[in-house]
């Protein structure tokens, strides 16, 4: 069947269009969008396929989809925007903004350690009550009372779910706004991004359905996969507590869309990711849009802060203050200063300041991937760089 690809593509970036089309032939791609902005100019803005598993609703210009952990990059940017306003000191103890957090030996844990995944709070030891995922007060109170799994700052481990509640609560305390509202005010509004944490009913008709994950050759095997299947492991606790996370059809449920779960339920499109990271790749601003960070703040945000063996992912990983950095586990971008964040469903956004590049990719069909990242990324990324 002929694949209709919609949108715009600068002729100089035709290889990206070809790679995007090829992904629909090579992989079980359902619907997706890809966007690239170079030196502030959008050179690729394409979409194709369907936003539902039944293949009856075509992907449109305004389609948005759950980008899972790619949401973390937007949350990190919110924290840096507050730091830029001098409303938040990332090198200060979390308890300075959130006094209750100082319990259980956490009085000296720094905001920076929440951002770089070294705080030692990737999970909750006790299983919260059903519905806790949607109860901000319950989750933040439980995390404030939790004892770190390791000495904060001594090592790092991916805070898959807790990152959003921890950093989100700091944002709330520092700004007086929930993270979704602050994102609209400080980032999405100024940059013109279609990016939401907690979506209203008015968006339901344009949100792409996320079908069940499809296995891939790299899959979820090895130590990580085995640990994920062991309920007593830190890896399993980090990804499956609260138990609401394993509810079938979770990401397509209205309750999950309405809630603010800042580590994993942002809804956006490739255009939003490319514009957000395009601003960061060019000193914190886009032509025709307001500045969100100063060049110095962008530089501070992207510098490596934690690296090495990840206590949760059980592989080598690298993080700056809230952003993931390229590694063998999740390779993306070519420049040495590249930073961004992937998502479990296959979404990816990153900035390469040396190339002035902001990149975004948002599919709705998750493909399980181990080391090396989503199999759909390499051809797209290679094509973009071949055109620079």
Protein backbone atom coordinates (compact mmCIF):
# COMPACT_ATOMS: atom_id res chain seq x y z
CA UNK A 1 0.00 0.00 0.00
CA UNK A 2 1.29 3.45 -0.89
CA UNK A 3 2.42 5.46 2.12
CA UNK A 4 1.35 9.09 2.05
CA UNK A 5 3.94 11.32 3.69
CA UNK A 6 2.69 14.76 4.65
CA UNK A 7 4.40 17.97 5.64
CA UNK A 8 7.41 19.86 4.39
CA UNK A 9 11.04 18.99 3.74
CA UNK A 10 13.77 21.26 2.44
CA UNK A 11 15.11 19.66 -0.78
CA UNK A 12 18.57 19.61 0.78
CA UNK A 13 17.17 17.26 3.45
CA UNK A 14 15.47 14.81 1.08
CA UNK A 15 17.43 11.87 2.61
CA UNK A 16 15.49 12.40 5.85
CA UNK A 17 12.19 12.01 4.02
CA UNK A 18 13.51 8.82 2.42
CA UNK A 19 14.66 7.42 5.77
CA UNK A 20 11.32 8.28 7.36
CA UNK A 21 9.45 6.45 4.58
CA UNK A 22 11.82 3.49 4.83
CA UNK A 23 11.09 3.08 8.53
CA UNK A 24 7.46 2.28 7.67
CA UNK A 25 8.69 -0.54 5.42
CA UNK A 26 11.42 -1.90 7.69
CA UNK A 27 9.64 -1.73 11.04
CA UNK A 28 6.10 -2.13 12.39
CA UNK A 29 5.63 1.64 12.30
CA UNK A 30 2.00 2.70 12.77
CA UNK A 31 2.08 6.49 12.81
CA UNK A 32 4.89 8.94 13.43
CA UNK A 33 6.28 12.42 12.92
CA UNK A 34 9.85 13.68 12.53
CA UNK A 35 11.10 17.24 12.67
CA UNK A 36 14.49 18.93 12.51
CA UNK A 37 15.41 22.57 13.07
CA UNK A 38 18.86 23.81 12.04
CA UNK A 39 20.14 27.19 13.23
CA UNK A 40 16.58 28.05 14.19
CA UNK A 41 15.00 27.14 10.85
CA UNK A 42 12.70 24.13 10.53
CA UNK A 43 14.05 22.10 7.60
CA UNK A 44 12.06 18.89 8.10
CA UNK A 45 8.49 18.62 9.38
CA UNK A 46 6.94 15.33 8.27
CA UNK A 47 4.22 12.98 9.45
CA UNK A 48 2.63 9.79 8.15
CA UNK A 49 0.60 6.75 9.09
CA UNK A 50 -2.24 6.45 11.55
CA UNK A 51 -3.02 7.58 15.05
CA UNK A 52 -5.08 4.48 15.87
CA UNK A 53 -4.35 0.74 15.81
CA UNK A 54 -7.33 0.12 13.53
CA UNK A 55 -5.69 2.36 10.91
CA UNK A 56 -8.81 4.44 10.38
CA UNK A 57 -7.58 7.82 11.68
CA UNK A 58 -4.69 9.35 9.73
CA UNK A 59 -1.88 11.12 11.57
CA UNK A 60 -2.41 14.86 11.14
CA UNK A 61 -0.45 18.09 11.44
CA UNK A 62 -1.81 18.62 14.95
CA UNK A 63 -1.56 15.02 16.23
CA UNK A 64 0.13 14.68 19.60
CA UNK A 65 1.19 11.50 21.37
CA UNK A 66 2.49 10.38 24.74
CA UNK A 67 6.26 10.84 24.56
CA UNK A 68 6.90 8.93 27.80
CA UNK A 69 10.31 9.82 29.30
CA UNK A 70 11.04 12.41 26.64
CA UNK A 71 8.83 14.45 28.99
CA UNK A 72 11.76 14.58 31.41
CA UNK A 73 13.65 16.96 29.12
CA UNK A 74 10.81 19.48 29.30
CA UNK A 75 10.63 19.12 33.08
CA UNK A 76 14.38 19.71 33.32
CA UNK A 77 14.04 22.81 31.18
CA UNK A 78 11.37 24.12 33.57
CA UNK A 79 13.80 23.70 36.48
CA UNK A 80 16.54 25.52 34.60
CA UNK A 81 14.12 28.32 33.70
CA UNK A 82 13.40 28.77 37.41
CA UNK A 83 17.11 28.80 38.17
CA UNK A 84 17.56 31.46 35.49
CA UNK A 85 14.94 33.57 37.29
CA UNK A 86 16.83 33.01 40.58
CA UNK A 87 13.73 31.33 41.99
CA UNK A 88 15.57 28.02 42.37
CA UNK A 89 19.16 27.15 43.30
CA UNK A 90 20.03 23.73 41.88
CA UNK A 91 23.09 23.53 44.14
CA UNK A 92 21.00 24.07 47.28
CA UNK A 93 19.42 21.31 49.39
CA UNK A 94 15.99 20.18 48.23
CA UNK A 95 14.77 20.75 51.78
CA UNK A 96 15.35 24.50 51.37
CA UNK A 97 12.36 24.58 49.02
CA UNK A 98 10.58 21.48 50.34
CA UNK A 99 11.19 21.15 54.11
CA UNK A 100 9.40 17.79 54.49
CA UNK A 101 11.87 16.24 52.08
CA UNK A 102 14.63 16.52 54.68
CA UNK A 103 13.30 13.45 56.54
CA UNK A 104 15.01 10.04 56.56
CA UNK A 105 18.54 11.38 56.15
CA UNK A 106 17.85 13.56 53.10
CA UNK A 107 18.51 16.97 54.63
CA UNK A 108 21.61 17.49 52.47
CA UNK A 109 20.32 16.03 49.18
CA UNK A 110 20.72 18.67 46.48
CA UNK A 111 18.28 19.69 43.76
CA UNK A 112 21.08 18.89 41.31
CA UNK A 113 21.11 15.30 42.57
CA UNK A 114 17.42 14.95 41.76
CA UNK A 115 18.15 16.19 38.26
CA UNK A 116 21.18 13.95 37.61
CA UNK A 117 19.60 10.77 39.04
CA UNK A 118 22.11 10.44 41.89
CA UNK A 119 19.71 11.25 44.77
CA UNK A 120 19.10 7.59 45.59
CA UNK A 121 15.31 7.75 45.27
CA UNK A 122 14.50 5.77 42.11
CA UNK A 123 11.65 3.88 43.79
CA UNK A 124 9.43 3.47 46.82
CA UNK A 125 10.15 0.50 49.07
CA UNK A 126 6.51 0.10 50.07
CA UNK A 127 3.87 -0.44 47.42
CA UNK A 128 1.57 2.63 47.45
CA UNK A 129 -2.17 2.20 47.47
CA UNK A 130 -4.00 1.77 44.19
CA UNK A 131 -4.51 5.12 42.49
CA UNK A 132 -1.39 6.71 43.99
CA UNK A 133 0.01 7.42 40.53
CA UNK A 134 -2.76 10.00 40.10
CA UNK A 135 -2.46 11.44 43.60
CA UNK A 136 0.26 14.11 43.64
CA UNK A 137 0.10 14.60 47.39
CA UNK A 138 0.34 10.88 48.10
CA UNK A 139 3.37 10.39 45.83
CA UNK A 140 5.29 13.44 47.00
CA UNK A 141 4.59 12.68 50.67
CA UNK A 142 5.78 9.10 50.22
CA UNK A 143 8.97 10.26 48.51
CA UNK A 144 9.60 12.89 51.18
CA UNK A 145 9.45 10.13 53.81
CA UNK A 146 11.54 7.61 51.85
CA UNK A 147 15.11 6.75 52.80
CA UNK A 148 17.65 6.83 49.93
CA UNK A 149 18.65 3.49 48.43
CA UNK A 150 22.28 4.68 48.38
CA UNK A 151 24.28 7.60 49.70
CA UNK A 152 23.12 10.55 47.59
CA UNK A 153 25.76 11.56 45.10
CA UNK A 154 27.80 8.38 45.54
CA UNK A 155 26.35 6.68 42.47
CA UNK A 156 23.43 7.12 40.09
CA UNK A 157 20.43 5.15 38.92
CA UNK A 158 17.66 6.15 36.56
CA UNK A 159 14.70 7.66 38.44
CA UNK A 160 12.25 6.42 35.81
CA UNK A 161 9.02 7.47 37.53
CA UNK A 162 10.06 9.32 40.68
CA UNK A 163 12.02 11.97 38.74
CA UNK A 164 8.80 13.69 37.71
CA UNK A 165 7.30 13.85 41.18
CA UNK A 166 10.57 14.90 42.81
CA UNK A 167 11.56 17.61 40.35
CA UNK A 168 7.93 18.54 39.77
CA UNK A 169 7.37 19.19 43.47
CA UNK A 170 10.49 21.36 43.63
CA UNK A 171 9.13 23.31 40.65
CA UNK A 172 5.77 23.67 42.42
CA UNK A 173 7.39 24.88 45.63
CA UNK A 174 9.65 27.35 43.83
CA UNK A 175 7.11 28.71 41.35
CA UNK A 176 3.76 28.26 43.07
CA UNK A 177 2.51 26.40 39.97
CA UNK A 178 2.04 22.77 39.07
CA UNK A 179 4.58 21.63 36.51
CA UNK A 180 2.04 21.50 33.67
CA UNK A 181 1.06 25.13 34.22
CA UNK A 182 4.66 26.26 34.58
CA UNK A 183 5.60 24.43 31.38
CA UNK A 184 2.90 26.37 29.53
CA UNK A 185 3.99 29.69 30.99
CA UNK A 186 7.78 29.42 30.84
CA UNK A 187 8.52 27.06 27.94
CA UNK A 188 5.66 25.97 25.71
CA UNK A 189 4.07 29.40 25.47
CA UNK A 190 7.23 31.40 24.70
CA UNK A 191 8.51 28.84 22.17
CA UNK A 192 5.13 28.05 20.62
CA UNK A 193 5.25 24.37 21.56
CA UNK A 194 2.34 21.93 21.40
CA UNK A 195 3.58 20.22 24.58
CA UNK A 196 1.37 19.35 27.54
CA UNK A 197 1.75 17.62 30.89
CA UNK A 198 -1.83 16.79 31.81
CA UNK A 199 -4.07 17.10 28.76
CA UNK A 200 -7.63 18.40 28.88
CA UNK A 201 -10.57 16.71 27.17
CA UNK A 202 -10.32 19.23 24.33
CA UNK A 203 -7.20 17.42 23.11
CA UNK A 204 -8.64 13.88 23.09
CA UNK A 205 -9.60 13.90 19.42
CA UNK A 206 -6.04 14.52 18.29
CA UNK A 207 -4.09 12.29 20.68
CA UNK A 208 -2.63 9.22 19.00
CA UNK A 209 -3.45 5.82 20.47
CA UNK A 210 -0.46 3.89 21.83
CA UNK A 211 -0.78 0.13 21.06
CA UNK A 212 0.95 -2.60 23.09
CA UNK A 213 4.73 -2.81 22.79
CA UNK A 214 6.17 -4.98 20.03
CA UNK A 215 9.28 -7.03 20.75
CA UNK A 216 12.48 -6.42 18.78
CA UNK A 217 15.68 -8.47 18.37
CA UNK A 218 17.46 -6.36 21.00
CA UNK A 219 14.35 -6.56 23.16
CA UNK A 220 14.45 -6.34 26.93
CA UNK A 221 16.80 -9.23 27.59
CA UNK A 222 20.02 -9.42 29.56
CA UNK A 223 20.45 -8.23 33.11
CA UNK A 224 17.94 -5.41 32.76
CA UNK A 225 15.17 -7.65 31.43
CA UNK A 226 15.79 -10.28 34.09
CA UNK A 227 15.80 -7.67 36.83
CA UNK A 228 12.64 -6.03 35.50
CA UNK A 229 10.88 -9.38 35.87
CA UNK A 230 12.03 -9.77 39.49
CA UNK A 231 9.52 -7.91 41.69
CA UNK A 232 12.08 -7.61 44.49
CA UNK A 233 14.71 -5.87 42.37
CA UNK A 234 15.38 -2.14 42.41
CA UNK A 235 14.88 -2.08 38.64
CA UNK A 236 11.41 -3.58 38.93
CA UNK A 237 10.43 -1.29 41.79
CA UNK A 238 11.63 1.75 39.82
CA UNK A 239 9.52 0.91 36.78
CA UNK A 240 6.42 -0.72 38.30
CA UNK A 241 5.61 1.19 41.50
CA UNK A 242 2.98 2.35 42.02
CA UNK A 243 1.12 -0.66 40.60
CA UNK A 244 -1.05 1.65 38.49
CA UNK A 245 1.89 1.72 36.05
CA UNK A 246 1.19 -1.84 34.93
CA UNK A 247 -2.53 -1.29 34.27
CA UNK A 248 -3.37 -2.55 30.75
CA UNK A 249 -4.08 0.34 28.41
CA UNK A 250 -2.80 2.86 30.95
CA UNK A 251 -1.44 5.43 28.48
CA UNK A 252 -4.68 5.56 26.48
CA UNK A 253 -6.94 6.05 29.50
CA UNK A 254 -8.48 9.47 30.06
CA UNK A 255 -7.44 9.39 33.71
CA UNK A 256 -3.77 8.98 32.79
CA UNK A 257 -3.96 11.69 30.14
CA UNK A 258 -5.55 14.18 32.53
CA UNK A 259 -3.08 13.53 35.35
CA UNK A 260 0.29 15.19 35.74
CA UNK A 261 2.88 12.40 35.79
CA UNK A 262 5.87 14.50 34.71
CA UNK A 263 8.35 11.67 34.21
CA UNK A 264 6.28 9.89 31.60
CA UNK A 265 2.99 11.36 30.39
CA UNK A 266 3.82 14.49 28.44
CA UNK A 267 1.94 14.74 25.15
CA UNK A 268 3.68 16.45 22.26
CA UNK A 269 4.69 16.08 18.64
CA UNK A 270 8.03 16.00 16.85
CA UNK A 271 7.68 19.68 16.01
CA UNK A 272 7.51 20.59 19.70
CA UNK A 273 10.58 18.52 20.55
CA UNK A 274 12.58 19.92 17.62
CA UNK A 275 11.65 23.51 18.47
CA UNK A 276 12.41 23.05 22.17
CA UNK A 277 15.79 21.49 21.52
CA UNK A 278 16.37 23.82 18.60
CA UNK A 279 16.21 26.71 21.05
CA UNK A 280 18.64 24.96 23.40
CA UNK A 281 21.00 24.18 20.52
CA UNK A 282 21.14 27.86 19.68
CA UNK A 283 21.81 29.50 23.01
CA UNK A 284 18.32 29.27 24.49
CA UNK A 285 16.23 31.10 21.91
CA UNK A 286 14.52 30.62 18.55
CA UNK A 287 14.13 33.32 15.93
CA UNK A 288 10.74 34.94 16.36
CA UNK A 289 10.23 33.43 19.81
CA UNK A 290 11.11 34.51 23.33
CA UNK A 291 14.34 33.41 24.98
CA UNK A 292 13.87 30.63 27.55
CA UNK A 293 17.47 30.33 28.80
CA UNK A 294 20.68 32.30 28.51
CA UNK A 295 23.61 30.68 26.65
CA UNK A 296 25.40 30.19 29.96
CA UNK A 297 22.41 28.45 31.49
CA UNK A 298 22.16 26.12 28.50
CA UNK A 299 25.82 25.23 28.89
CA UNK A 300 25.35 24.48 32.59
CA UNK A 301 22.30 22.35 31.81
CA UNK A 302 24.08 20.11 29.34
CA UNK A 303 27.37 19.38 31.20
CA UNK A 304 27.77 15.77 32.37
CA UNK A 305 27.06 15.34 36.08
CA UNK A 306 26.71 11.58 36.52
CA UNK A 307 28.09 8.71 34.47
CA UNK A 308 29.04 5.06 34.75
CA UNK A 309 27.15 1.97 35.82
CA UNK A 310 23.48 2.76 36.35
CA UNK A 311 22.01 1.04 39.43
CA UNK A 312 18.57 0.80 37.80
CA UNK A 313 19.24 0.35 34.08
CA UNK A 314 22.15 -2.03 34.87
CA UNK A 315 24.29 -0.58 32.08
CA UNK A 316 26.46 2.47 31.50
CA UNK A 317 24.46 5.70 31.33
CA UNK A 318 25.21 9.42 31.38
CA UNK A 319 23.20 12.39 32.62
CA UNK A 320 23.53 16.13 32.87
CA UNK A 321 21.18 18.19 35.03
CA UNK A 322 17.96 16.55 33.89
CA UNK A 323 18.98 15.54 30.38
CA UNK A 324 20.28 12.21 29.15
CA UNK A 325 23.59 12.26 27.31
CA UNK A 326 24.44 9.86 24.46
CA UNK A 327 25.90 6.47 25.38
CA UNK A 328 26.05 2.96 23.96
CA UNK A 329 22.78 2.31 25.80
CA UNK A 330 21.01 5.22 24.13
CA UNK A 331 23.06 6.68 21.25
CA UNK A 332 21.81 9.85 19.61
CA UNK A 333 23.47 12.84 17.99
CA UNK A 334 27.08 13.20 16.94
CA UNK A 335 28.37 16.36 18.57
CA UNK A 336 30.29 16.07 21.86
CA UNK A 337 27.87 18.52 23.49
CA UNK A 338 24.69 16.70 22.44
CA UNK A 339 22.00 16.31 25.09
CA UNK A 340 18.32 15.35 25.09
CA UNK A 341 16.00 12.60 26.26
CA UNK A 342 14.39 9.49 24.76
CA UNK A 343 11.08 7.93 25.74
CA UNK A 344 10.00 4.30 26.13
CA UNK A 345 7.55 4.51 23.23
CA UNK A 346 10.33 5.47 20.82
CA UNK A 347 10.11 9.26 21.11
CA UNK A 348 13.40 11.13 20.98
CA UNK A 349 14.37 14.77 21.24
CA UNK A 350 17.87 16.18 21.36
CA UNK A 351 19.99 19.28 20.86
CA UNK A 352 23.40 19.34 19.20
CA UNK A 353 24.78 22.84 19.88
CA UNK A 354 27.78 22.31 17.60
CA UNK A 355 25.45 21.70 14.65
CA UNK A 356 22.77 24.13 15.81
CA UNK A 357 20.40 21.16 15.54
CA UNK A 358 17.15 20.43 17.32
CA UNK A 359 15.65 17.02 16.51
CA UNK A 360 12.31 15.43 17.35
CA UNK A 361 10.75 12.07 16.54
CA UNK A 362 7.40 10.89 17.91
CA UNK A 363 5.92 7.48 16.98
CA UNK A 364 2.91 5.84 18.57
CA UNK A 365 3.95 2.18 18.20
CA UNK A 366 6.39 1.22 20.98
CA UNK A 367 9.11 -1.26 20.01
CA UNK A 368 11.00 -2.89 22.88
CA UNK A 369 14.65 -1.95 22.68
CA UNK A 370 17.74 -2.76 24.71
CA UNK A 371 21.24 -1.40 24.23
CA UNK A 372 21.47 0.77 21.14
CA UNK A 373 18.07 2.40 21.55
CA UNK A 374 15.03 2.29 19.30
CA UNK A 375 15.81 0.63 15.94
CA UNK A 376 14.00 3.43 14.09
CA UNK A 377 16.36 6.17 15.27
CA UNK A 378 19.65 5.44 13.47
CA UNK A 379 18.48 5.94 9.88
CA UNK A 380 16.73 9.20 10.74
CA UNK A 381 19.66 10.61 12.68
CA UNK A 382 22.20 9.53 10.06
CA UNK A 383 20.11 11.12 7.34
CA UNK A 384 19.86 14.44 9.19
CA UNK A 385 23.60 14.63 9.77
CA UNK A 386 24.36 13.69 6.18
CA UNK A 387 22.52 16.84 5.10
CA UNK A 388 24.23 19.32 7.40
